[in-house]
Amino acid sequence: MPRRPPSKPTRKPAKRVVKAKPKAKAKPKAKPAAKPKAKTKPGRPGDEVSLLQEELQAALGELARIASDENSARRDLEAQISATHTREDALRRELEAVRMDLRVALADLEIARSRTE
């Protein structure tokens, strides 16, 4: 299924209301900046529903992409762990073989030493 970029909702920018300046020369008090509120036109619930559906579809697509990436990373990690365990087992067997060779060589040395005495 081809991925498509999430569509951005198109809304008309809200009109700014210009307030008249006070006539008095008193300094205005500093007020915290108010956050602009998103205005929706009443009477058009179908547009809002379709917009929400588009946003939901975009979010679901993004979630599917993230889940796919996460599964891929998990599989890669599991493959690395499996390869590490395989290497550890091979090294463990090789170490045991070297120990056995050393025991045999030590036993042969003891036998040769006892013969020479």
PDB file of N, CA and C in Angstrom:
ATOM      1  N   MET A   1       0.852  -1.153   0.000  1.00  0.00           N
ATOM      2  CA  MET A   1       0.000   0.000   0.000  1.00  0.00           C
ATOM      3  C   MET A   1       0.908   1.228   0.000  1.00  0.00           C
ATOM      4  N   PRO A   2       0.794   2.097  -1.007  1.00  0.00           N
ATOM      5  CA  PRO A   2       1.681   3.251  -1.055  1.00  0.00           C
ATOM      6  C   PRO A   2       1.361   4.237   0.055  1.00  0.00           C
ATOM      7  N   ARG A   3       2.408   4.829   0.561  1.00  0.00           N
ATOM      8  CA  ARG A   3       2.237   5.813   1.622  1.00  0.00           C
ATOM      9  C   ARG A   3       2.009   7.177   0.999  1.00  0.00           C
ATOM     10  N   ARG A   4       1.112   7.903   1.571  1.00  0.00           N
ATOM     11  CA  ARG A   4       0.907   9.250   1.088  1.00  0.00           C
ATOM     12  C   ARG A   4       1.133  10.202   2.252  1.00  0.00           C
ATOM     13  N   PRO A   5       1.642  11.373   1.950  1.00  0.00           N
ATOM     14  CA  PRO A   5       1.909  12.314   3.041  1.00  0.00           C
ATOM     15  C   PRO A   5       0.604  12.778   3.658  1.00  0.00           C
ATOM     16  N   PRO A   6       0.636  13.041   4.957  1.00  0.00           N
ATOM     17  CA  PRO A   6      -0.601  13.490   5.613  1.00  0.00           C
ATOM     18  C   PRO A   6      -1.038  14.827   5.041  1.00  0.00           C
ATOM     19  N   SER A   7      -2.335  14.947   4.778  1.00  0.00           N
ATOM     20  CA  SER A   7      -2.841  16.183   4.214  1.00  0.00           C
ATOM     21  C   SER A   7      -3.049  17.201   5.318  1.00  0.00           C
ATOM     22  N   LYS A   8      -2.775  18.448   5.007  1.00  0.00           N
ATOM     23  CA  LYS A   8      -2.935  19.510   5.979  1.00  0.00           C
ATOM     24  C   LYS A   8      -4.339  20.095   5.821  1.00  0.00           C
ATOM     25  N   PRO A   9      -5.000  20.341   6.929  1.00  0.00           N
ATOM     26  CA  PRO A   9      -6.337  20.918   6.822  1.00  0.00           C
ATOM     27  C   PRO A   9      -6.235  22.348   6.312  1.00  0.00           C
ATOM     28  N   THR A  10      -7.175  22.706   5.451  1.00  0.00           N
ATOM     29  CA  THR A  10      -7.190  24.058   4.909  1.00  0.00           C
ATOM     30  C   THR A  10      -8.298  24.828   5.575  1.00  0.00           C
ATOM     31  N   ARG A  11      -7.912  25.894   6.238  1.00  0.00           N
ATOM     32  CA  ARG A  11      -8.868  26.772   6.898  1.00  0.00           C
ATOM     33  C   ARG A  11      -8.545  28.202   6.530  1.00  0.00           C
ATOM     34  N   LYS A  12      -9.544  29.009   6.525  1.00  0.00           N
ATOM     35  CA  LYS A  12      -9.328  30.417   6.268  1.00  0.00           C
ATOM     36  C   LYS A  12      -8.751  31.045   7.527  1.00  0.00           C
ATOM     37  N   PRO A  13      -7.770  31.953   7.376  1.00  0.00           N
ATOM     38  CA  PRO A  13      -7.226  32.589   8.567  1.00  0.00           C
ATOM     39  C   PRO A  13      -8.285  33.452   9.247  1.00  0.00           C
ATOM     40  N   ALA A  14      -8.230  33.494  10.562  1.00  0.00           N
ATOM     41  CA  ALA A  14      -9.205  34.268  11.322  1.00  0.00           C
ATOM     42  C   ALA A  14      -8.942  35.756  11.102  1.00  0.00           C
ATOM     43  N   LYS A  15     -10.024  36.540  11.034  1.00  0.00           N
ATOM     44  CA  LYS A  15      -9.887  37.981  10.850  1.00  0.00           C
ATOM     45  C   LYS A  15      -9.467  38.614  12.167  1.00  0.00           C
ATOM     46  N   ARG A  16      -8.580  39.583  12.085  1.00  0.00           N
ATOM     47  CA  ARG A  16      -8.115  40.280  13.271  1.00  0.00           C
ATOM     48  C   ARG A  16      -9.027  41.467  13.551  1.00  0.00           C
ATOM     49  N   VAL A  17      -9.288  41.669  14.788  1.00  0.00           N
ATOM     50  CA  VAL A  17     -10.114  42.794  15.208  1.00  0.00           C
ATOM     51  C   VAL A  17      -9.175  43.866  15.745  1.00  0.00           C
ATOM     52  N   VAL A  18      -9.285  45.068  15.195  1.00  0.00           N
ATOM     53  CA  VAL A  18      -8.436  46.170  15.623  1.00  0.00           C
ATOM     54  C   VAL A  18      -9.200  46.966  16.668  1.00  0.00           C
ATOM     55  N   LYS A  19      -8.590  47.109  17.837  1.00  0.00           N
ATOM     56  CA  LYS A  19      -9.225  47.859  18.914  1.00  0.00           C
ATOM     57  C   LYS A  19      -8.770  49.313  18.847  1.00  0.00           C
ATOM     58  N   ALA A  20      -9.670  50.197  19.223  1.00  0.00           N
ATOM     59  CA  ALA A  20      -9.339  51.620  19.242  1.00  0.00           C
ATOM     60  C   ALA A  20      -8.395  51.899  20.408  1.00  0.00           C
ATOM     61  N   LYS A  21      -7.474  52.828  20.215  1.00  0.00           N
ATOM     62  CA  LYS A  21      -6.524  53.178  21.264  1.00  0.00           C
ATOM     63  C   LYS A  21      -7.234  54.038  22.306  1.00  0.00           C
ATOM     64  N   PRO A  22      -6.875  53.902  23.573  1.00  0.00           N
ATOM     65  CA  PRO A  22      -7.492  54.750  24.595  1.00  0.00           C
ATOM     66  C   PRO A  22      -7.074  56.212  24.411  1.00  0.00           C
ATOM     67  N   LYS A  23      -7.982  57.111  24.732  1.00  0.00           N
ATOM     68  CA  LYS A  23      -7.712  58.535  24.554  1.00  0.00           C
ATOM     69  C   LYS A  23      -6.836  59.071  25.678  1.00  0.00           C
ATOM     70  N   ALA A  24      -6.923  58.509  26.836  1.00  0.00           N
ATOM     71  CA  ALA A  24      -6.131  58.979  27.974  1.00  0.00           C
ATOM     72  C   ALA A  24      -4.683  58.582  27.769  1.00  0.00           C
ATOM     73  N   LYS A  25      -3.787  59.325  28.416  1.00  0.00           N
ATOM     74  CA  LYS A  25      -2.364  59.055  28.271  1.00  0.00           C
ATOM     75  C   LYS A  25      -1.839  58.111  29.338  1.00  0.00           C
ATOM     76  N   ALA A  26      -2.731  57.446  30.047  1.00  0.00           N
ATOM     77  CA  ALA A  26      -2.311  56.513  31.077  1.00  0.00           C
ATOM     78  C   ALA A  26      -1.643  55.316  30.416  1.00  0.00           C
ATOM     79  N   LYS A  27      -0.612  54.821  31.097  1.00  0.00           N
ATOM     80  CA  LYS A  27       0.116  53.672  30.548  1.00  0.00           C
ATOM     81  C   LYS A  27      -0.738  52.424  30.719  1.00  0.00           C
ATOM     82  N   PRO A  28      -0.903  51.650  29.654  1.00  0.00           N
ATOM     83  CA  PRO A  28      -1.682  50.417  29.777  1.00  0.00           C
ATOM     84  C   PRO A  28      -0.892  49.380  30.567  1.00  0.00           C
ATOM     85  N   LYS A  29      -1.604  48.569  31.332  1.00  0.00           N
ATOM     86  CA  LYS A  29      -0.963  47.510  32.114  1.00  0.00           C
ATOM     87  C   LYS A  29      -0.576  46.369  31.197  1.00  0.00           C
ATOM     88  N   ALA A  30       0.547  45.748  31.494  1.00  0.00           N
ATOM     89  CA  ALA A  30       1.012  44.622  30.682  1.00  0.00           C
ATOM     90  C   ALA A  30       0.162  43.401  30.995  1.00  0.00           C
ATOM     91  N   LYS A  31      -0.429  42.847  29.981  1.00  0.00           N
ATOM     92  CA  LYS A  31      -1.238  41.643  30.129  1.00  0.00           C
ATOM     93  C   LYS A  31      -0.542  40.504  29.401  1.00  0.00           C
ATOM     94  N   PRO A  32      -0.661  39.292  29.927  1.00  0.00           N
ATOM     95  CA  PRO A  32      -0.056  38.163  29.211  1.00  0.00           C
ATOM     96  C   PRO A  32      -0.753  37.972  27.866  1.00  0.00           C
ATOM     97  N   ALA A  33       0.027  37.565  26.902  1.00  0.00           N
ATOM     98  CA  ALA A  33      -0.517  37.372  25.561  1.00  0.00           C
ATOM     99  C   ALA A  33      -1.521  36.230  25.582  1.00  0.00           C
ATOM    100  N   ALA A  34      -2.692  36.503  25.049  1.00  0.00           N
ATOM    101  CA  ALA A  34      -3.742  35.482  24.999  1.00  0.00           C
ATOM    102  C   ALA A  34      -3.480  34.550  23.825  1.00  0.00           C
ATOM    103  N   LYS A  35      -3.734  33.288  24.038  1.00  0.00           N
ATOM    104  CA  LYS A  35      -3.559  32.318  22.970  1.00  0.00           C
ATOM    105  C   LYS A  35      -4.730  32.423  22.007  1.00  0.00           C
ATOM    106  N   PRO A  36      -4.453  32.426  20.716  1.00  0.00           N
ATOM    107  CA  PRO A  36      -5.561  32.506  19.766  1.00  0.00           C
ATOM    108  C   PRO A  36      -6.367  31.212  19.801  1.00  0.00           C
ATOM    109  N   LYS A  37      -7.676  31.368  19.803  1.00  0.00           N
ATOM    110  CA  LYS A  37      -8.545  30.202  19.820  1.00  0.00           C
ATOM    111  C   LYS A  37      -8.952  29.857  18.392  1.00  0.00           C
ATOM    112  N   ALA A  38      -9.021  28.574  18.146  1.00  0.00           N
ATOM    113  CA  ALA A  38      -9.460  28.137  16.827  1.00  0.00           C
ATOM    114  C   ALA A  38     -10.959  28.364  16.722  1.00  0.00           C
ATOM    115  N   LYS A  39     -11.362  29.104  15.699  1.00  0.00           N
ATOM    116  CA  LYS A  39     -12.780  29.390  15.521  1.00  0.00           C
ATOM    117  C   LYS A  39     -13.326  28.503  14.420  1.00  0.00           C
ATOM    118  N   THR A  40     -14.444  27.913  14.693  1.00  0.00           N
ATOM    119  CA  THR A  40     -15.116  27.107  13.687  1.00  0.00           C
ATOM    120  C   THR A  40     -16.461  27.741  13.405  1.00  0.00           C
ATOM    121  N   LYS A  41     -16.871  27.627  12.202  1.00  0.00           N
ATOM    122  CA  LYS A  41     -18.152  28.197  11.822  1.00  0.00           C
ATOM    123  C   LYS A  41     -19.260  27.235  12.220  1.00  0.00           C
ATOM    124  N   PRO A  42     -20.211  27.718  13.002  1.00  0.00           N
ATOM    125  CA  PRO A  42     -21.318  26.837  13.360  1.00  0.00           C
ATOM    126  C   PRO A  42     -22.206  26.586  12.146  1.00  0.00           C
ATOM    127  N   GLY A  43     -22.858  25.471  12.150  1.00  0.00           N
ATOM    128  CA  GLY A  43     -23.766  25.147  11.052  1.00  0.00           C
ATOM    129  C   GLY A  43     -23.121  24.296   9.987  1.00  0.00           C
ATOM    130  N   ARG A  44     -21.816  23.980  10.102  1.00  0.00           N
ATOM    131  CA  ARG A  44     -21.137  23.153   9.113  1.00  0.00           C
ATOM    132  C   ARG A  44     -20.467  21.970   9.798  1.00  0.00           C
ATOM    133  N   PRO A  45     -21.228  21.138  10.505  1.00  0.00           N
ATOM    134  CA  PRO A  45     -20.603  20.018  11.226  1.00  0.00           C
ATOM    135  C   PRO A  45     -20.010  18.978  10.280  1.00  0.00           C
ATOM    136  N   GLY A  46     -20.506  18.887   9.073  1.00  0.00           N
ATOM    137  CA  GLY A  46     -19.978  17.909   8.113  1.00  0.00           C
ATOM    138  C   GLY A  46     -18.540  18.197   7.756  1.00  0.00           C
ATOM    139  N   ASP A  47     -18.208  19.496   7.629  1.00  0.00           N
ATOM    140  CA  ASP A  47     -16.827  19.867   7.311  1.00  0.00           C
ATOM    141  C   ASP A  47     -15.892  19.493   8.460  1.00  0.00           C
ATOM    142  N   GLU A  48     -16.341  19.755   9.671  1.00  0.00           N
ATOM    143  CA  GLU A  48     -15.513  19.441  10.832  1.00  0.00           C
ATOM    144  C   GLU A  48     -15.329  17.936  10.967  1.00  0.00           C
ATOM    145  N   VAL A  49     -16.379  17.185  10.717  1.00  0.00           N
ATOM    146  CA  VAL A  49     -16.297  15.725  10.807  1.00  0.00           C
ATOM    147  C   VAL A  49     -15.348  15.193   9.738  1.00  0.00           C
ATOM    148  N   SER A  50     -15.465  15.709   8.528  1.00  0.00           N
ATOM    149  CA  SER A  50     -14.571  15.230   7.468  1.00  0.00           C
ATOM    150  C   SER A  50     -13.127  15.620   7.759  1.00  0.00           C
ATOM    151  N   LEU A  51     -12.935  16.796   8.343  1.00  0.00           N
ATOM    152  CA  LEU A  51     -11.593  17.220   8.720  1.00  0.00           C
ATOM    153  C   LEU A  51     -11.026  16.303   9.794  1.00  0.00           C
ATOM    154  N   LEU A  52     -11.837  15.976  10.774  1.00  0.00           N
ATOM    155  CA  LEU A  52     -11.392  15.062  11.828  1.00  0.00           C
ATOM    156  C   LEU A  52     -11.112  13.668  11.276  1.00  0.00           C
ATOM    157  N   GLN A  53     -11.902  13.224  10.312  1.00  0.00           N
ATOM    158  CA  GLN A  53     -11.664  11.915   9.692  1.00  0.00           C
ATOM    159  C   GLN A  53     -10.345  11.916   8.936  1.00  0.00           C
ATOM    160  N   GLU A  54     -10.054  13.018   8.237  1.00  0.00           N
ATOM    161  CA  GLU A  54      -8.779  13.102   7.522  1.00  0.00           C
ATOM    162  C   GLU A  54      -7.611  13.085   8.508  1.00  0.00           C
ATOM    163  N   GLU A  55      -7.755  13.826   9.595  1.00  0.00           N
ATOM    164  CA  GLU A  55      -6.696  13.835  10.604  1.00  0.00           C
ATOM    165  C   GLU A  55      -6.518  12.457  11.220  1.00  0.00           C
ATOM    166  N   LEU A  56      -7.627  11.765  11.450  1.00  0.00           N
ATOM    167  CA  LEU A  56      -7.563  10.414  11.997  1.00  0.00           C
ATOM    168  C   LEU A  56      -6.862   9.470  11.034  1.00  0.00           C
ATOM    169  N   GLN A  57      -7.177   9.574   9.751  1.00  0.00           N
ATOM    170  CA  GLN A  57      -6.521   8.720   8.753  1.00  0.00           C
ATOM    171  C   GLN A  57      -5.024   9.011   8.688  1.00  0.00           C
ATOM    172  N   ALA A  58      -4.674  10.287   8.764  1.00  0.00           N
ATOM    173  CA  ALA A  58      -3.250  10.647   8.751  1.00  0.00           C
ATOM    174  C   ALA A  58      -2.548  10.097   9.989  1.00  0.00           C
ATOM    175  N   ALA A  59      -3.201  10.198  11.145  1.00  0.00           N
ATOM    176  CA  ALA A  59      -2.612   9.676  12.382  1.00  0.00           C
ATOM    177  C   ALA A  59      -2.470   8.157  12.318  1.00  0.00           C
ATOM    178  N   LEU A  60      -3.472   7.486  11.771  1.00  0.00           N
ATOM    179  CA  LEU A  60      -3.401   6.025  11.641  1.00  0.00           C
ATOM    180  C   LEU A  60      -2.278   5.618  10.698  1.00  0.00           C
ATOM    181  N   GLY A  61      -2.099   6.362   9.617  1.00  0.00           N
ATOM    182  CA  GLY A  61      -0.998   6.080   8.692  1.00  0.00           C
ATOM    183  C   GLY A  61       0.345   6.255   9.354  1.00  0.00           C
ATOM    184  N   GLU A  62       0.475   7.314  10.140  1.00  0.00           N
ATOM    185  CA  GLU A  62       1.725   7.566  10.857  1.00  0.00           C
ATOM    186  C   GLU A  62       1.977   6.477  11.896  1.00  0.00           C
ATOM    187  N   LEU A  63       0.925   6.068  12.589  1.00  0.00           N
ATOM    188  CA  LEU A  63       1.052   5.000  13.579  1.00  0.00           C
ATOM    189  C   LEU A  63       1.470   3.693  12.916  1.00  0.00           C
ATOM    190  N   ALA A  64       0.910   3.393  11.766  1.00  0.00           N
ATOM    191  CA  ALA A  64       1.283   2.169  11.048  1.00  0.00           C
ATOM    192  C   ALA A  64       2.749   2.221  10.622  1.00  0.00           C
ATOM    193  N   ARG A  65       3.205   3.399  10.172  1.00  0.00           N
ATOM    194  CA  ARG A  65       4.604   3.550   9.761  1.00  0.00           C
ATOM    195  C   ARG A  65       5.533   3.356  10.954  1.00  0.00           C
ATOM    196  N   ILE A  66       5.180   3.960  12.083  1.00  0.00           N
ATOM    197  CA  ILE A  66       6.009   3.836  13.279  1.00  0.00           C
ATOM    198  C   ILE A  66       6.041   2.391  13.765  1.00  0.00           C
ATOM    199  N   ALA A  67       4.889   1.727  13.741  1.00  0.00           N
ATOM    200  CA  ALA A  67       4.833   0.330  14.176  1.00  0.00           C
ATOM    201  C   ALA A  67       5.685  -0.552  13.266  1.00  0.00           C
ATOM    202  N   SER A  68       5.651  -0.267  11.974  1.00  0.00           N
ATOM    203  CA  SER A  68       6.468  -1.044  11.032  1.00  0.00           C
ATOM    204  C   SER A  68       7.952  -0.843  11.314  1.00  0.00           C
ATOM    205  N   ASP A  69       8.347   0.415  11.555  1.00  0.00           N
ATOM    206  CA  ASP A  69       9.755   0.691  11.873  1.00  0.00           C
ATOM    207  C   ASP A  69      10.160   0.017  13.178  1.00  0.00           C
ATOM    208  N   GLU A  70       9.274   0.043  14.156  1.00  0.00           N
ATOM    209  CA  GLU A  70       9.572  -0.574  15.447  1.00  0.00           C
ATOM    210  C   GLU A  70       9.725  -2.085  15.300  1.00  0.00           C
ATOM    211  N   ASN A  71       8.847  -2.716  14.527  1.00  0.00           N
ATOM    212  CA  ASN A  71       8.951  -4.165  14.317  1.00  0.00           C
ATOM    213  C   ASN A  71      10.241  -4.520  13.587  1.00  0.00           C
ATOM    214  N   SER A  72      10.609  -3.699  12.625  1.00  0.00           N
ATOM    215  CA  SER A  72      11.856  -3.938  11.892  1.00  0.00           C
ATOM    216  C   SER A  72      13.057  -3.835  12.829  1.00  0.00           C
ATOM    217  N   ALA A  73      13.059  -2.827  13.680  1.00  0.00           N
ATOM    218  CA  ALA A  73      14.166  -2.662  14.634  1.00  0.00           C
ATOM    219  C   ALA A  73      14.198  -3.821  15.622  1.00  0.00           C
ATOM    220  N   ARG A  74      13.033  -4.275  16.065  1.00  0.00           N
ATOM    221  CA  ARG A  74      12.978  -5.403  17.002  1.00  0.00           C
ATOM    222  C   ARG A  74      13.530  -6.669  16.353  1.00  0.00           C
ATOM    223  N   ARG A  75      13.148  -6.914  15.093  1.00  0.00           N
ATOM    224  CA  ARG A  75      13.670  -8.098  14.386  1.00  0.00           C
ATOM    225  C   ARG A  75      15.187  -8.014  14.230  1.00  0.00           C
ATOM    226  N   ASP A  76      15.702  -6.815  13.927  1.00  0.00           N
ATOM    227  CA  ASP A  76      17.153  -6.645  13.795  1.00  0.00           C
ATOM    228  C   ASP A  76      17.861  -6.930  15.116  1.00  0.00           C
ATOM    229  N   LEU A  77      17.302  -6.429  16.212  1.00  0.00           N
ATOM    230  CA  LEU A  77      17.901  -6.679  17.525  1.00  0.00           C
ATOM    231  C   LEU A  77      17.878  -8.158  17.873  1.00  0.00           C
ATOM    232  N   GLU A  78      16.763  -8.821  17.587  1.00  0.00           N
ATOM    233  CA  GLU A  78      16.678 -10.254  17.867  1.00  0.00           C
ATOM    234  C   GLU A  78      17.681 -11.031  17.031  1.00  0.00           C
ATOM    235  N   ALA A  79      17.899 -10.617  15.786  1.00  0.00           N
ATOM    236  CA  ALA A  79      18.884 -11.283  14.932  1.00  0.00           C
ATOM    237  C   ALA A  79      20.292 -11.078  15.482  1.00  0.00           C
ATOM    238  N   GLN A  80      20.577  -9.868  15.967  1.00  0.00           N
ATOM    239  CA  GLN A  80      21.889  -9.607  16.555  1.00  0.00           C
ATOM    240  C   GLN A  80      22.098 -10.430  17.817  1.00  0.00           C
ATOM    241  N   ILE A  81      21.073 -10.531  18.640  1.00  0.00           N
ATOM    242  CA  ILE A  81      21.174 -11.322  19.877  1.00  0.00           C
ATOM    243  C   ILE A  81      21.412 -12.786  19.534  1.00  0.00           C
ATOM    244  N   SER A  82      20.697 -13.302  18.545  1.00  0.00           N
ATOM    245  CA  SER A  82      20.863 -14.697  18.142  1.00  0.00           C
ATOM    246  C   SER A  82      22.285 -14.949  17.622  1.00  0.00           C
ATOM    247  N   ALA A  83      22.781 -14.025  16.818  1.00  0.00           N
ATOM    248  CA  ALA A  83      24.142 -14.179  16.292  1.00  0.00           C
ATOM    249  C   ALA A  83      25.167 -14.130  17.426  1.00  0.00           C
ATOM    250  N   THR A  84      24.929 -13.257  18.407  1.00  0.00           N
ATOM    251  CA  THR A  84      25.839 -13.162  19.553  1.00  0.00           C
ATOM    252  C   THR A  84      25.846 -14.461  20.348  1.00  0.00           C
ATOM    253  N   HIS A  85      24.649 -15.030  20.574  1.00  0.00           N
ATOM    254  CA  HIS A  85      24.579 -16.308  21.301  1.00  0.00           C
ATOM    255  C   HIS A  85      25.290 -17.413  20.526  1.00  0.00           C
ATOM    256  N   THR A  86      25.158 -17.422  19.217  1.00  0.00           N
ATOM    257  CA  THR A  86      25.829 -18.433  18.399  1.00  0.00           C
ATOM    258  C   THR A  86      27.344 -18.298  18.527  1.00  0.00           C
ATOM    259  N   ARG A  87      27.843 -17.048  18.465  1.00  0.00           N
ATOM    260  CA  ARG A  87      29.284 -16.838  18.607  1.00  0.00           C
ATOM    261  C   ARG A  87      29.771 -17.227  19.999  1.00  0.00           C
ATOM    262  N   GLU A  88      28.979 -16.891  21.015  1.00  0.00           N
ATOM    263  CA  GLU A  88      29.367 -17.264  22.379  1.00  0.00           C
ATOM    264  C   GLU A  88      29.454 -18.774  22.528  1.00  0.00           C
ATOM    265  N   ASP A  89      28.490 -19.503  21.978  1.00  0.00           N
ATOM    266  CA  ASP A  89      28.507 -20.965  22.057  1.00  0.00           C
ATOM    267  C   ASP A  89      29.722 -21.535  21.335  1.00  0.00           C
ATOM    268  N   ALA A  90      30.040 -20.988  20.172  1.00  0.00           N
ATOM    269  CA  ALA A  90      31.207 -21.473  19.422  1.00  0.00           C
ATOM    270  C   ALA A  90      32.487 -21.213  20.203  1.00  0.00           C
ATOM    271  N   LEU A  91      32.604 -20.024  20.794  1.00  0.00           N
ATOM    272  CA  LEU A  91      33.801 -19.716  21.586  1.00  0.00           C
ATOM    273  C   LEU A  91      33.882 -20.596  22.832  1.00  0.00           C
ATOM    274  N   ARG A  92      32.752 -20.878  23.445  1.00  0.00           N
ATOM    275  CA  ARG A  92      32.728 -21.740  24.634  1.00  0.00           C
ATOM    276  C   ARG A  92      33.201 -23.151  24.266  1.00  0.00           C
ATOM    277  N   ARG A  93      32.731 -23.681  23.127  1.00  0.00           N
ATOM    278  CA  ARG A  93      33.164 -25.020  22.691  1.00  0.00           C
ATOM    279  C   ARG A  93      34.659 -25.029  22.357  1.00  0.00           C
ATOM    280  N   GLU A  94      35.137 -23.964  21.720  1.00  0.00           N
ATOM    281  CA  GLU A  94      36.553 -23.883  21.380  1.00  0.00           C
ATOM    282  C   GLU A  94      37.413 -23.805  22.650  1.00  0.00           C
ATOM    283  N   LEU A  95      36.966 -23.045  23.634  1.00  0.00           N
ATOM    284  CA  LEU A  95      37.695 -22.946  24.898  1.00  0.00           C
ATOM    285  C   LEU A  95      37.747 -24.302  25.604  1.00  0.00           C
ATOM    286  N   GLU A  96      36.640 -25.007  25.591  1.00  0.00           N
ATOM    287  CA  GLU A  96      36.616 -26.345  26.206  1.00  0.00           C
ATOM    288  C   GLU A  96      37.559 -27.293  25.469  1.00  0.00           C
ATOM    289  N   ALA A  97      37.625 -27.199  24.142  1.00  0.00           N
ATOM    290  CA  ALA A  97      38.550 -28.043  23.369  1.00  0.00           C
ATOM    291  C   ALA A  97      40.004 -27.706  23.711  1.00  0.00           C
ATOM    292  N   VAL A  98      40.332 -26.428  23.866  1.00  0.00           N
ATOM    293  CA  VAL A  98      41.696 -26.025  24.218  1.00  0.00           C
ATOM    294  C   VAL A  98      42.045 -26.542  25.619  1.00  0.00           C
ATOM    295  N   ARG A  99      41.100 -26.448  26.541  1.00  0.00           N
ATOM    296  CA  ARG A  99      41.349 -26.980  27.895  1.00  0.00           C
ATOM    297  C   ARG A  99      41.632 -28.482  27.855  1.00  0.00           C
ATOM    298  N   MET A 100      40.838 -29.189  27.050  1.00  0.00           N
ATOM    299  CA  MET A 100      41.041 -30.638  26.936  1.00  0.00           C
ATOM    300  C   MET A 100      42.420 -30.935  26.333  1.00  0.00           C
ATOM    301  N   ASP A 101      42.824 -30.171  25.314  1.00  0.00           N
ATOM    302  CA  ASP A 101      44.153 -30.362  24.722  1.00  0.00           C
ATOM    303  C   ASP A 101      45.251 -30.103  25.748  1.00  0.00           C
ATOM    304  N   LEU A 102      45.069 -29.075  26.584  1.00  0.00           N
ATOM    305  CA  LEU A 102      46.065 -28.784  27.610  1.00  0.00           C
ATOM    306  C   LEU A 102      46.144 -29.911  28.642  1.00  0.00           C
ATOM    307  N   ARG A 103      44.997 -30.471  29.008  1.00  0.00           N
ATOM    308  CA  ARG A 103      44.998 -31.595  29.958  1.00  0.00           C
ATOM    309  C   ARG A 103      45.736 -32.796  29.369  1.00  0.00           C
ATOM    310  N   VAL A 104      45.473 -33.066  28.088  1.00  0.00           N
ATOM    311  CA  VAL A 104      46.145 -34.201  27.436  1.00  0.00           C
ATOM    312  C   VAL A 104      47.641 -33.945  27.344  1.00  0.00           C
ATOM    313  N   ALA A 105      48.032 -32.716  26.990  1.00  0.00           N
ATOM    314  CA  ALA A 105      49.460 -32.390  26.891  1.00  0.00           C
ATOM    315  C   ALA A 105      50.134 -32.495  28.255  1.00  0.00           C
ATOM    316  N   LEU A 106      49.451 -32.038  29.329  1.00  0.00           N
ATOM    317  CA  LEU A 106      50.001 -32.144  30.674  1.00  0.00           C
ATOM    318  C   LEU A 106      50.135 -33.610  31.089  1.00  0.00           C
ATOM    319  N   ALA A 107      49.130 -34.413  30.740  1.00  0.00           N
ATOM    320  CA  ALA A 107      49.212 -35.844  31.062  1.00  0.00           C
ATOM    321  C   ALA A 107      50.362 -36.492  30.304  1.00  0.00           C
ATOM    322  N   ASP A 108      50.534 -36.153  29.027  1.00  0.00           N
ATOM    323  CA  ASP A 108      51.655 -36.703  28.245  1.00  0.00           C
ATOM    324  C   ASP A 108      52.989 -36.269  28.839  1.00  0.00           C
ATOM    325  N   LEU A 109      53.069 -35.049  29.313  1.00  0.00           N
ATOM    326  CA  LEU A 109      54.303 -34.537  29.930  1.00  0.00           C
ATOM    327  C   LEU A 109      54.619 -35.299  31.206  1.00  0.00           C
ATOM    328  N   GLU A 110      53.612 -35.573  32.037  1.00  0.00           N
ATOM    329  CA  GLU A 110      53.809 -36.317  33.269  1.00  0.00           C
ATOM    330  C   GLU A 110      54.279 -37.744  32.954  1.00  0.00           C
ATOM    331  N   ILE A 111      53.682 -38.336  31.930  1.00  0.00           N
ATOM    332  CA  ILE A 111      54.086 -39.704  31.536  1.00  0.00           C
ATOM    333  C   ILE A 111      55.542 -39.703  31.073  1.00  0.00           C
ATOM    334  N   ALA A 112      55.903 -38.740  30.243  1.00  0.00           N
ATOM    335  CA  ALA A 112      57.279 -38.675  29.723  1.00  0.00           C
ATOM    336  C   ALA A 112      58.256 -38.402  30.872  1.00  0.00           C
ATOM    337  N   ARG A 113      57.890 -37.573  31.803  1.00  0.00           N
ATOM    338  CA  ARG A 113      58.755 -37.258  32.932  1.00  0.00           C
ATOM    339  C   ARG A 113      58.972 -38.487  33.799  1.00  0.00           C
ATOM    340  N   SER A 114      57.905 -39.266  34.015  1.00  0.00           N
ATOM    341  CA  SER A 114      58.035 -40.457  34.862  1.00  0.00           C
ATOM    342  C   SER A 114      58.892 -41.526  34.182  1.00  0.00           C
ATOM    343  N   ARG A 115      58.922 -41.600  32.879  1.00  0.00           N
ATOM    344  CA  ARG A 115      59.734 -42.556  32.171  1.00  0.00           C
ATOM    345  C   ARG A 115      61.236 -42.216  32.224  1.00  0.00           C
ATOM    346  N   THR A 116      61.498 -40.947  32.232  1.00  0.00           N
ATOM    347  CA  THR A 116      62.893 -40.526  32.243  1.00  0.00           C
ATOM    348  C   THR A 116      63.517 -40.647  33.626  1.00  0.00           C
ATOM    349  N   GLU A 117      62.764 -40.721  34.665  1.00  0.00           N
ATOM    350  CA  GLU A 117      63.309 -40.827  36.015  1.00  0.00           C
ATOM    351  C   GLU A 117      63.607 -42.204  36.395  1.00  0.00           C
TER     352      GLU A 117
END
